[in-house]
Amino acid sequence: MLAEMRVIGAIPGGGSGQRMAPLPCSKELLPLGFRSTEQGPRPRVIASYLLEALRLGGAEQVYWLIDRSKTDIVQYFGDGAEAGVQLAYAPTCSSPSVVHTLHGARGFLRDAHVLFGFPDIVFEPATALRALRERSLRSGADVVLGAVPAPPEQVGDRVLLDPAGRALEVRIKPVGSSWPHIWMLAAWAPSFTLFLQRWLEARSAAHTAGREGSAPELYLGHVMQAGIEAGLRIEVEAFESGSFIDVGTPAGFSLALQRYGSVGLGGPSAGA
């Protein structure tokens, strides 16, 4: 049963951060806000917001699927004790997409309930991943996506849902979409990990055999859409008062600094 499965976190960290280059460190370690310690306020880093959400979601262990060059992340977070989670690192070698990164880590994810988020996206509420996990326990869905309303000009994967909260379609970064919701978090059962593995292997085999044209850039949303078409039960938990900021761009980082720069020093709460 899902309730008896181990719950793990998965963080894709194979990107080179070219949208922010050059940087003195991995973008996940850029300072953003402050945290309380026994010694007083200390700076937080971008990725600490996701680690906190994974901890609140009940992840027993977090696998950081990390580019081999990002040794500063390992040095900073170590075993995860300070973040309140058990961290393990799975090095990746020039992964072309998040989908390939997850496929390469399938041995770590197999037979587990996975909580997933991007380390350069800061979102509210901070308890969102816990809500996704709780919904998946109730419904037995293969995937539960976490989504928030966003204006048409905001970039992101849009998801169309029915009144019961079931995903009907996912579109990859559409321009000017009238669909109100962008998804940025996910919780999934082992059935989806297996589906991703088989889907990517079949797709790669088709391209190798020349049965399809040149392969476009892959996004996790492509797998979600394929899952919907294959009959997987993919549900959406919409946080109508929630929000997210992609901190991996100069504009997003500037916005996040305005919103979270004083958190921990008498500024607004980073939670819901």
C-alpha atoms as a PDB file:
ATOM      1  CA  MET A   1       0.000   0.000   0.000  1.00  0.00           C
ATOM      2  CA  LEU A   2       1.115   3.566  -0.700  1.00  0.00           C
ATOM      3  CA  ALA A   3       0.896   4.518   2.978  1.00  0.00           C
ATOM      4  CA  GLU A   4       3.500   1.860   3.773  1.00  0.00           C
ATOM      5  CA  MET A   5       5.941   2.872   1.019  1.00  0.00           C
ATOM      6  CA  ARG A   6       9.037   4.860   1.759  1.00  0.00           C
ATOM      7  CA  VAL A   7       8.739   8.486   0.756  1.00  0.00           C
ATOM      8  CA  ILE A   8      11.747  10.063  -0.951  1.00  0.00           C
ATOM      9  CA  GLY A   9      12.523  13.416  -2.456  1.00  0.00           C
ATOM     10  CA  ALA A  10      14.029  13.859  -5.917  1.00  0.00           C
ATOM     11  CA  ILE A  11      15.849  17.049  -6.911  1.00  0.00           C
ATOM     12  CA  PRO A  12      17.112  17.444 -10.473  1.00  0.00           C
ATOM     13  CA  GLY A  13      20.363  19.378 -10.412  1.00  0.00           C
ATOM     14  CA  GLY A  14      22.068  18.670 -13.689  1.00  0.00           C
ATOM     15  CA  GLY A  15      21.671  22.093 -15.306  1.00  0.00           C
ATOM     16  CA  SER A  16      24.621  24.402 -15.875  1.00  0.00           C
ATOM     17  CA  GLY A  17      22.786  27.613 -14.954  1.00  0.00           C
ATOM     18  CA  GLN A  18      23.580  29.385 -18.213  1.00  0.00           C
ATOM     19  CA  ARG A  19      20.627  31.766 -17.802  1.00  0.00           C
ATOM     20  CA  MET A  20      22.472  33.325 -14.839  1.00  0.00           C
ATOM     21  CA  ALA A  21      26.090  32.838 -15.943  1.00  0.00           C
ATOM     22  CA  PRO A  22      28.686  33.736 -14.941  1.00  0.00           C
ATOM     23  CA  LEU A  23      28.184  33.027 -11.234  1.00  0.00           C
ATOM     24  CA  PRO A  24      30.627  32.531  -8.357  1.00  0.00           C
ATOM     25  CA  CYS A  25      28.772  29.398  -7.256  1.00  0.00           C
ATOM     26  CA  SER A  26      26.023  27.015  -8.332  1.00  0.00           C
ATOM     27  CA  LYS A  27      22.782  28.979  -8.722  1.00  0.00           C
ATOM     28  CA  GLU A  28      21.150  26.772  -6.077  1.00  0.00           C
ATOM     29  CA  LEU A  29      23.492  28.342  -3.509  1.00  0.00           C
ATOM     30  CA  LEU A  30      22.716  31.983  -4.228  1.00  0.00           C
ATOM     31  CA  PRO A  31      21.667  33.711  -0.967  1.00  0.00           C
ATOM     32  CA  LEU A  32      17.949  34.397  -0.612  1.00  0.00           C
ATOM     33  CA  GLY A  33      16.576  35.523   2.736  1.00  0.00           C
ATOM     34  CA  PHE A  34      17.660  34.465   6.199  1.00  0.00           C
ATOM     35  CA  ARG A  35      17.107  31.632   8.663  1.00  0.00           C
ATOM     36  CA  SER A  36      17.056  31.655  12.433  1.00  0.00           C
ATOM     37  CA  THR A  37      19.881  29.892  14.262  1.00  0.00           C
ATOM     38  CA  GLU A  38      21.102  29.773  17.865  1.00  0.00           C
ATOM     39  CA  GLN A  39      23.753  32.272  16.780  1.00  0.00           C
ATOM     40  CA  GLY A  40      21.162  34.619  15.293  1.00  0.00           C
ATOM     41  CA  PRO A  41      19.994  35.142  11.682  1.00  0.00           C
ATOM     42  CA  ARG A  42      22.075  33.469   8.991  1.00  0.00           C
ATOM     43  CA  PRO A  43      21.648  33.640   5.191  1.00  0.00           C
ATOM     44  CA  ARG A  44      19.505  31.050   3.424  1.00  0.00           C
ATOM     45  CA  VAL A  45      20.227  29.768  -0.064  1.00  0.00           C
ATOM     46  CA  ILE A  46      17.749  29.170  -2.870  1.00  0.00           C
ATOM     47  CA  ALA A  47      17.678  25.369  -2.642  1.00  0.00           C
ATOM     48  CA  SER A  48      16.971  25.422   1.097  1.00  0.00           C
ATOM     49  CA  TYR A  49      13.338  26.357   0.384  1.00  0.00           C
ATOM     50  CA  LEU A  50      12.754  23.131  -1.551  1.00  0.00           C
ATOM     51  CA  LEU A  51      14.574  21.035   1.042  1.00  0.00           C
ATOM     52  CA  GLU A  52      12.331  22.483   3.731  1.00  0.00           C
ATOM     53  CA  ALA A  53       9.228  21.636   1.678  1.00  0.00           C
ATOM     54  CA  LEU A  54      10.480  18.066   1.149  1.00  0.00           C
ATOM     55  CA  ARG A  55      11.051  17.704   4.877  1.00  0.00           C
ATOM     56  CA  LEU A  56       7.557  18.999   5.614  1.00  0.00           C
ATOM     57  CA  GLY A  57       6.233  16.572   3.001  1.00  0.00           C
ATOM     58  CA  GLY A  58       7.635  13.622   4.953  1.00  0.00           C
ATOM     59  CA  ALA A  59      10.554  12.641   2.724  1.00  0.00           C
ATOM     60  CA  GLU A  60      12.677  10.094   4.582  1.00  0.00           C
ATOM     61  CA  GLN A  61      15.574  10.619   2.219  1.00  0.00           C
ATOM     62  CA  VAL A  62      16.310  13.096  -0.572  1.00  0.00           C
ATOM     63  CA  TYR A  63      18.251  12.157  -3.692  1.00  0.00           C
ATOM     64  CA  TRP A  64      19.921  15.111  -5.333  1.00  0.00           C
ATOM     65  CA  LEU A  65      20.540  14.122  -8.959  1.00  0.00           C
ATOM     66  CA  ILE A  66      23.485  16.402  -9.342  1.00  0.00           C
ATOM     67  CA  ASP A  67      25.887  17.433 -12.075  1.00  0.00           C
ATOM     68  CA  ARG A  68      29.372  16.166 -11.277  1.00  0.00           C
ATOM     69  CA  SER A  69      30.771  19.698 -11.455  1.00  0.00           C
ATOM     70  CA  LYS A  70      28.576  21.026  -8.636  1.00  0.00           C
ATOM     71  CA  THR A  71      30.807  19.986  -5.768  1.00  0.00           C
ATOM     72  CA  ASP A  72      30.008  23.208  -3.914  1.00  0.00           C
ATOM     73  CA  ILE A  73      26.466  21.937  -3.303  1.00  0.00           C
ATOM     74  CA  VAL A  74      27.826  18.791  -1.662  1.00  0.00           C
ATOM     75  CA  GLN A  75      30.213  20.854   0.449  1.00  0.00           C
ATOM     76  CA  TYR A  76      27.454  23.238   1.533  1.00  0.00           C
ATOM     77  CA  PHE A  77      24.639  20.798   2.378  1.00  0.00           C
ATOM     78  CA  GLY A  78      26.717  17.738   3.285  1.00  0.00           C
ATOM     79  CA  ASP A  79      24.540  14.916   4.594  1.00  0.00           C
ATOM     80  CA  GLY A  80      21.548  17.228   4.982  1.00  0.00           C
ATOM     81  CA  ALA A  81      21.518  17.182   8.775  1.00  0.00           C
ATOM     82  CA  GLU A  82      21.316  20.963   9.043  1.00  0.00           C
ATOM     83  CA  ALA A  83      18.407  21.003   6.583  1.00  0.00           C
ATOM     84  CA  GLY A  84      16.609  18.293   8.557  1.00  0.00           C
ATOM     85  CA  VAL A  85      16.697  15.631   5.830  1.00  0.00           C
ATOM     86  CA  GLN A  86      18.966  12.745   4.908  1.00  0.00           C
ATOM     87  CA  LEU A  87      20.683  13.751   1.680  1.00  0.00           C
ATOM     88  CA  ALA A  88      22.246  11.443  -0.879  1.00  0.00           C
ATOM     89  CA  TYR A  89      23.844  12.565  -4.123  1.00  0.00           C
ATOM     90  CA  ALA A  90      23.594  10.771  -7.466  1.00  0.00           C
ATOM     91  CA  PRO A  91      26.070  12.298  -9.959  1.00  0.00           C
ATOM     92  CA  THR A  92      24.855  12.792 -13.525  1.00  0.00           C
ATOM     93  CA  CYS A  93      26.970  13.126 -16.654  1.00  0.00           C
ATOM     94  CA  SER A  94      25.842  15.842 -19.086  1.00  0.00           C
ATOM     95  CA  SER A  95      22.178  14.881 -18.871  1.00  0.00           C
ATOM     96  CA  PRO A  96      20.229  16.387 -21.796  1.00  0.00           C
ATOM     97  CA  SER A  97      16.999  16.821 -19.785  1.00  0.00           C
ATOM     98  CA  VAL A  98      15.289  16.324 -16.453  1.00  0.00           C
ATOM     99  CA  VAL A  99      13.541  13.306 -17.987  1.00  0.00           C
ATOM    100  CA  HIS A 100      16.891  11.659 -18.763  1.00  0.00           C
ATOM    101  CA  THR A 101      18.164  12.545 -15.288  1.00  0.00           C
ATOM    102  CA  LEU A 102      15.180  10.855 -13.633  1.00  0.00           C
ATOM    103  CA  HIS A 103      15.537   7.846 -15.919  1.00  0.00           C
ATOM    104  CA  GLY A 104      19.175   7.515 -14.946  1.00  0.00           C
ATOM    105  CA  ALA A 105      18.196   7.547 -11.271  1.00  0.00           C
ATOM    106  CA  ARG A 106      15.367   5.028 -11.628  1.00  0.00           C
ATOM    107  CA  GLY A 107      17.162   2.550  -9.397  1.00  0.00           C
ATOM    108  CA  PHE A 108      16.992   5.033  -6.519  1.00  0.00           C
ATOM    109  CA  LEU A 109      13.345   5.960  -7.161  1.00  0.00           C
ATOM    110  CA  ARG A 110      11.915   2.507  -7.838  1.00  0.00           C
ATOM    111  CA  ASP A 111       9.351   1.177  -5.331  1.00  0.00           C
ATOM    112  CA  ALA A 112       9.110   4.551  -3.584  1.00  0.00           C
ATOM    113  CA  HIS A 113       6.632   7.385  -3.419  1.00  0.00           C
ATOM    114  CA  VAL A 114       8.465  10.362  -4.947  1.00  0.00           C
ATOM    115  CA  LEU A 115       8.133  14.032  -4.024  1.00  0.00           C
ATOM    116  CA  PHE A 116       9.575  16.207  -6.785  1.00  0.00           C
ATOM    117  CA  GLY A 117      10.490  19.872  -7.117  1.00  0.00           C
ATOM    118  CA  PHE A 118      12.950  22.114  -8.927  1.00  0.00           C
ATOM    119  CA  PRO A 119      15.755  23.576  -6.777  1.00  0.00           C
ATOM    120  CA  ASP A 120      15.622  26.985  -8.467  1.00  0.00           C
ATOM    121  CA  ILE A 121      11.881  27.497  -7.987  1.00  0.00           C
ATOM    122  CA  VAL A 122      10.634  29.037  -4.748  1.00  0.00           C
ATOM    123  CA  PHE A 123       6.951  28.377  -4.155  1.00  0.00           C
ATOM    124  CA  GLU A 124       4.160  28.949  -1.712  1.00  0.00           C
ATOM    125  CA  PRO A 125       2.672  27.434   0.311  1.00  0.00           C
ATOM    126  CA  ALA A 126       5.721  25.766   1.845  1.00  0.00           C
ATOM    127  CA  THR A 127       3.460  22.839   2.799  1.00  0.00           C
ATOM    128  CA  ALA A 128       2.450  22.158  -0.825  1.00  0.00           C
ATOM    129  CA  LEU A 129       4.362  18.874  -1.152  1.00  0.00           C
ATOM    130  CA  ARG A 130       2.753  17.582   2.018  1.00  0.00           C
ATOM    131  CA  ALA A 131      -0.655  18.352   0.513  1.00  0.00           C
ATOM    132  CA  LEU A 132       0.286  16.471  -2.678  1.00  0.00           C
ATOM    133  CA  ARG A 133       1.395  13.441  -0.686  1.00  0.00           C
ATOM    134  CA  GLU A 134      -1.791  13.455   1.398  1.00  0.00           C
ATOM    135  CA  ARG A 135      -3.950  13.670  -1.725  1.00  0.00           C
ATOM    136  CA  SER A 136      -2.098  10.791  -3.376  1.00  0.00           C
ATOM    137  CA  LEU A 137      -2.712   8.672  -0.278  1.00  0.00           C
ATOM    138  CA  ARG A 138      -6.421   9.439  -0.411  1.00  0.00           C
ATOM    139  CA  SER A 139      -6.957   8.993  -4.139  1.00  0.00           C
ATOM    140  CA  GLY A 140      -4.354   6.416  -5.181  1.00  0.00           C
ATOM    141  CA  ALA A 141      -3.463   8.549  -8.217  1.00  0.00           C
ATOM    142  CA  ASP A 142      -0.371   7.724 -10.241  1.00  0.00           C
ATOM    143  CA  VAL A 143       0.651  11.399 -10.110  1.00  0.00           C
ATOM    144  CA  VAL A 144      -0.560  14.467  -8.250  1.00  0.00           C
ATOM    145  CA  LEU A 145       0.650  17.766  -9.702  1.00  0.00           C
ATOM    146  CA  GLY A 146       0.918  20.937  -7.642  1.00  0.00           C
ATOM    147  CA  ALA A 147      -0.302  23.974  -9.588  1.00  0.00           C
ATOM    148  CA  VAL A 148      -0.933  27.674  -9.022  1.00  0.00           C
ATOM    149  CA  PRO A 149      -2.803  30.305 -11.035  1.00  0.00           C
ATOM    150  CA  ALA A 150      -0.562  32.462 -13.206  1.00  0.00           C
ATOM    151  CA  PRO A 151      -1.119  35.287 -15.725  1.00  0.00           C
ATOM    152  CA  PRO A 152      -0.933  34.377 -19.446  1.00  0.00           C
ATOM    153  CA  GLU A 153       2.484  35.997 -19.884  1.00  0.00           C
ATOM    154  CA  GLN A 154       4.135  33.896 -17.176  1.00  0.00           C
ATOM    155  CA  VAL A 155       6.243  31.069 -18.610  1.00  0.00           C
ATOM    156  CA  GLY A 156       5.536  27.529 -17.469  1.00  0.00           C
ATOM    157  CA  ASP A 157       3.832  24.250 -18.303  1.00  0.00           C
ATOM    158  CA  ARG A 158       0.059  24.770 -18.288  1.00  0.00           C
ATOM    159  CA  VAL A 159      -2.318  22.085 -17.101  1.00  0.00           C
ATOM    160  CA  LEU A 160      -6.016  21.835 -17.901  1.00  0.00           C
ATOM    161  CA  LEU A 161      -8.076  20.195 -15.164  1.00  0.00           C
ATOM    162  CA  ASP A 162     -11.657  19.117 -14.840  1.00  0.00           C
ATOM    163  CA  PRO A 163     -13.933  20.139 -11.915  1.00  0.00           C
ATOM    164  CA  ALA A 164     -12.847  17.052  -9.949  1.00  0.00           C
ATOM    165  CA  GLY A 165      -9.193  18.055 -10.255  1.00  0.00           C
ATOM    166  CA  ARG A 166      -8.110  15.486 -12.807  1.00  0.00           C
ATOM    167  CA  ALA A 167      -5.538  16.561 -15.392  1.00  0.00           C
ATOM    168  CA  LEU A 168      -6.969  16.555 -18.907  1.00  0.00           C
ATOM    169  CA  GLU A 169      -3.963  17.916 -20.807  1.00  0.00           C
ATOM    170  CA  VAL A 170      -0.502  19.379 -20.221  1.00  0.00           C
ATOM    171  CA  ARG A 171       1.059  21.892 -22.628  1.00  0.00           C
ATOM    172  CA  ILE A 172       4.745  22.803 -22.586  1.00  0.00           C
ATOM    173  CA  LYS A 173       5.374  26.519 -22.049  1.00  0.00           C
ATOM    174  CA  PRO A 174       2.558  27.788 -24.315  1.00  0.00           C
ATOM    175  CA  VAL A 175       2.525  31.485 -25.214  1.00  0.00           C
ATOM    176  CA  GLY A 176      -0.487  33.494 -24.099  1.00  0.00           C
ATOM    177  CA  SER A 177      -2.448  30.488 -22.854  1.00  0.00           C
ATOM    178  CA  SER A 178      -5.933  31.003 -21.439  1.00  0.00           C
ATOM    179  CA  TRP A 179      -5.454  28.036 -19.106  1.00  0.00           C
ATOM    180  CA  PRO A 180      -5.025  29.567 -15.658  1.00  0.00           C
ATOM    181  CA  HIS A 181      -2.797  26.991 -13.957  1.00  0.00           C
ATOM    182  CA  ILE A 182       0.942  26.269 -14.152  1.00  0.00           C
ATOM    183  CA  TRP A 183       2.266  23.132 -12.462  1.00  0.00           C
ATOM    184  CA  MET A 184       5.657  23.190 -10.722  1.00  0.00           C
ATOM    185  CA  LEU A 185       5.579  20.319  -8.187  1.00  0.00           C
ATOM    186  CA  ALA A 186       4.675  16.646  -8.295  1.00  0.00           C
ATOM    187  CA  ALA A 187       4.183  13.583  -6.146  1.00  0.00           C
ATOM    188  CA  TRP A 188       4.059  10.209  -7.833  1.00  0.00           C
ATOM    189  CA  ALA A 189       3.737   6.516  -7.189  1.00  0.00           C
ATOM    190  CA  PRO A 190       6.106   3.777  -8.450  1.00  0.00           C
ATOM    191  CA  SER A 191       3.751   3.280 -11.409  1.00  0.00           C
ATOM    192  CA  PHE A 192       4.846   6.630 -12.841  1.00  0.00           C
ATOM    193  CA  THR A 193       8.561   5.954 -12.325  1.00  0.00           C
ATOM    194  CA  LEU A 194       8.089   2.740 -14.327  1.00  0.00           C
ATOM    195  CA  PHE A 195       6.038   4.557 -16.969  1.00  0.00           C
ATOM    196  CA  LEU A 196       8.742   7.220 -17.405  1.00  0.00           C
ATOM    197  CA  GLN A 197      11.378   4.521 -17.838  1.00  0.00           C
ATOM    198  CA  ARG A 198       9.436   2.593 -20.462  1.00  0.00           C
ATOM    199  CA  TRP A 199       8.253   5.719 -22.287  1.00  0.00           C
ATOM    200  CA  LEU A 200      11.741   7.180 -22.644  1.00  0.00           C
ATOM    201  CA  GLU A 201      13.261   3.866 -23.686  1.00  0.00           C
ATOM    202  CA  ALA A 202      10.568   3.336 -26.338  1.00  0.00           C
ATOM    203  CA  ARG A 203      10.957   6.901 -27.581  1.00  0.00           C
ATOM    204  CA  SER A 204      14.747   6.595 -27.769  1.00  0.00           C
ATOM    205  CA  ALA A 205      14.430   3.311 -29.645  1.00  0.00           C
ATOM    206  CA  ALA A 206      12.035   4.890 -32.151  1.00  0.00           C
ATOM    207  CA  HIS A 207      14.439   7.756 -32.846  1.00  0.00           C
ATOM    208  CA  THR A 208      17.374   5.358 -33.162  1.00  0.00           C
ATOM    209  CA  ALA A 209      15.414   3.334 -35.709  1.00  0.00           C
ATOM    210  CA  GLY A 210      14.625   6.504 -37.644  1.00  0.00           C
ATOM    211  CA  ARG A 211      10.881   6.187 -37.244  1.00  0.00           C
ATOM    212  CA  GLU A 212      10.570   9.740 -35.901  1.00  0.00           C
ATOM    213  CA  GLY A 213      12.117  13.088 -36.769  1.00  0.00           C
ATOM    214  CA  SER A 214      14.803  14.868 -34.809  1.00  0.00           C
ATOM    215  CA  ALA A 215      14.159  14.709 -31.086  1.00  0.00           C
ATOM    216  CA  PRO A 216      12.889  17.999 -29.547  1.00  0.00           C
ATOM    217  CA  GLU A 217      14.014  19.123 -26.115  1.00  0.00           C
ATOM    218  CA  LEU A 218      12.316  16.981 -23.510  1.00  0.00           C
ATOM    219  CA  TYR A 219      10.459  18.259 -20.465  1.00  0.00           C
ATOM    220  CA  LEU A 220       8.818  16.352 -17.655  1.00  0.00           C
ATOM    221  CA  GLY A 221       5.539  17.793 -18.913  1.00  0.00           C
ATOM    222  CA  HIS A 222       5.940  15.667 -22.058  1.00  0.00           C
ATOM    223  CA  VAL A 223       5.916  12.547 -19.886  1.00  0.00           C
ATOM    224  CA  MET A 224       2.912  13.822 -17.942  1.00  0.00           C
ATOM    225  CA  GLN A 225       0.985  14.349 -21.187  1.00  0.00           C
ATOM    226  CA  ALA A 226       2.009  10.900 -22.428  1.00  0.00           C
ATOM    227  CA  GLY A 227       0.787   9.464 -19.143  1.00  0.00           C
ATOM    228  CA  ILE A 228      -2.595  11.156 -19.551  1.00  0.00           C
ATOM    229  CA  GLU A 229      -2.896   9.726 -23.072  1.00  0.00           C
ATOM    230  CA  ALA A 230      -1.915   6.280 -21.791  1.00  0.00           C
ATOM    231  CA  GLY A 231      -4.646   6.340 -19.154  1.00  0.00           C
ATOM    232  CA  LEU A 232      -2.620   7.083 -16.022  1.00  0.00           C
ATOM    233  CA  ARG A 233      -4.568   8.816 -13.288  1.00  0.00           C
ATOM    234  CA  ILE A 234      -2.944  12.233 -13.024  1.00  0.00           C
ATOM    235  CA  GLU A 235      -4.615  14.646 -10.618  1.00  0.00           C
ATOM    236  CA  VAL A 236      -3.979  18.301  -9.824  1.00  0.00           C
ATOM    237  CA  GLU A 237      -3.925  20.002  -6.450  1.00  0.00           C
ATOM    238  CA  ALA A 238      -4.500  23.668  -7.259  1.00  0.00           C
ATOM    239  CA  PHE A 239      -3.274  26.172  -4.686  1.00  0.00           C
ATOM    240  CA  GLU A 240      -5.413  29.135  -5.651  1.00  0.00           C
ATOM    241  CA  SER A 241      -3.609  31.454  -3.214  1.00  0.00           C
ATOM    242  CA  GLY A 242      -0.201  29.995  -4.018  1.00  0.00           C
ATOM    243  CA  SER A 243       2.622  31.340  -6.134  1.00  0.00           C
ATOM    244  CA  PHE A 244       6.031  30.505  -7.522  1.00  0.00           C
ATOM    245  CA  ILE A 245       9.126  32.326  -8.704  1.00  0.00           C
ATOM    246  CA  ASP A 246      11.678  30.853 -11.100  1.00  0.00           C
ATOM    247  CA  VAL A 247      14.832  32.135  -9.426  1.00  0.00           C
ATOM    248  CA  GLY A 248      17.023  30.740 -12.209  1.00  0.00           C
ATOM    249  CA  THR A 249      16.692  33.925 -14.284  1.00  0.00           C
ATOM    250  CA  PRO A 250      17.968  37.441 -13.502  1.00  0.00           C
ATOM    251  CA  ALA A 251      14.410  38.822 -13.520  1.00  0.00           C
ATOM    252  CA  GLY A 252      13.142  36.027 -11.285  1.00  0.00           C
ATOM    253  CA  PHE A 253      16.051  36.351  -8.871  1.00  0.00           C
ATOM    254  CA  SER A 254      15.445  40.092  -8.606  1.00  0.00           C
ATOM    255  CA  LEU A 255      11.751  39.488  -7.851  1.00  0.00           C
ATOM    256  CA  ALA A 256      12.606  36.840  -5.247  1.00  0.00           C
ATOM    257  CA  LEU A 257      15.038  39.203  -3.525  1.00  0.00           C
ATOM    258  CA  GLN A 258      12.287  41.795  -3.254  1.00  0.00           C
ATOM    259  CA  ARG A 259       9.900  39.238  -1.779  1.00  0.00           C
ATOM    260  CA  TYR A 260      12.143  37.083   0.390  1.00  0.00           C
ATOM    261  CA  GLY A 261      15.254  39.178   0.947  1.00  0.00           C
ATOM    262  CA  SER A 262      14.262  40.177   4.475  1.00  0.00           C
ATOM    263  CA  VAL A 263      12.648  36.872   5.520  1.00  0.00           C
ATOM    264  CA  GLY A 264      14.108  35.948   8.892  1.00  0.00           C
ATOM    265  CA  LEU A 265      14.928  39.574   9.700  1.00  0.00           C
ATOM    266  CA  GLY A 266      11.427  40.710  10.526  1.00  0.00           C
ATOM    267  CA  GLY A 267      10.207  40.432   6.931  1.00  0.00           C
ATOM    268  CA  PRO A 268       7.195  38.515   5.555  1.00  0.00           C
ATOM    269  CA  SER A 269       6.787  34.799   6.157  1.00  0.00           C
ATOM    270  CA  ALA A 270       8.077  32.398   3.529  1.00  0.00           C
ATOM    271  CA  GLY A 271       5.183  30.047   4.171  1.00  0.00           C
ATOM    272  CA  ALA A 272       1.565  30.133   3.171  1.00  0.00           C
END
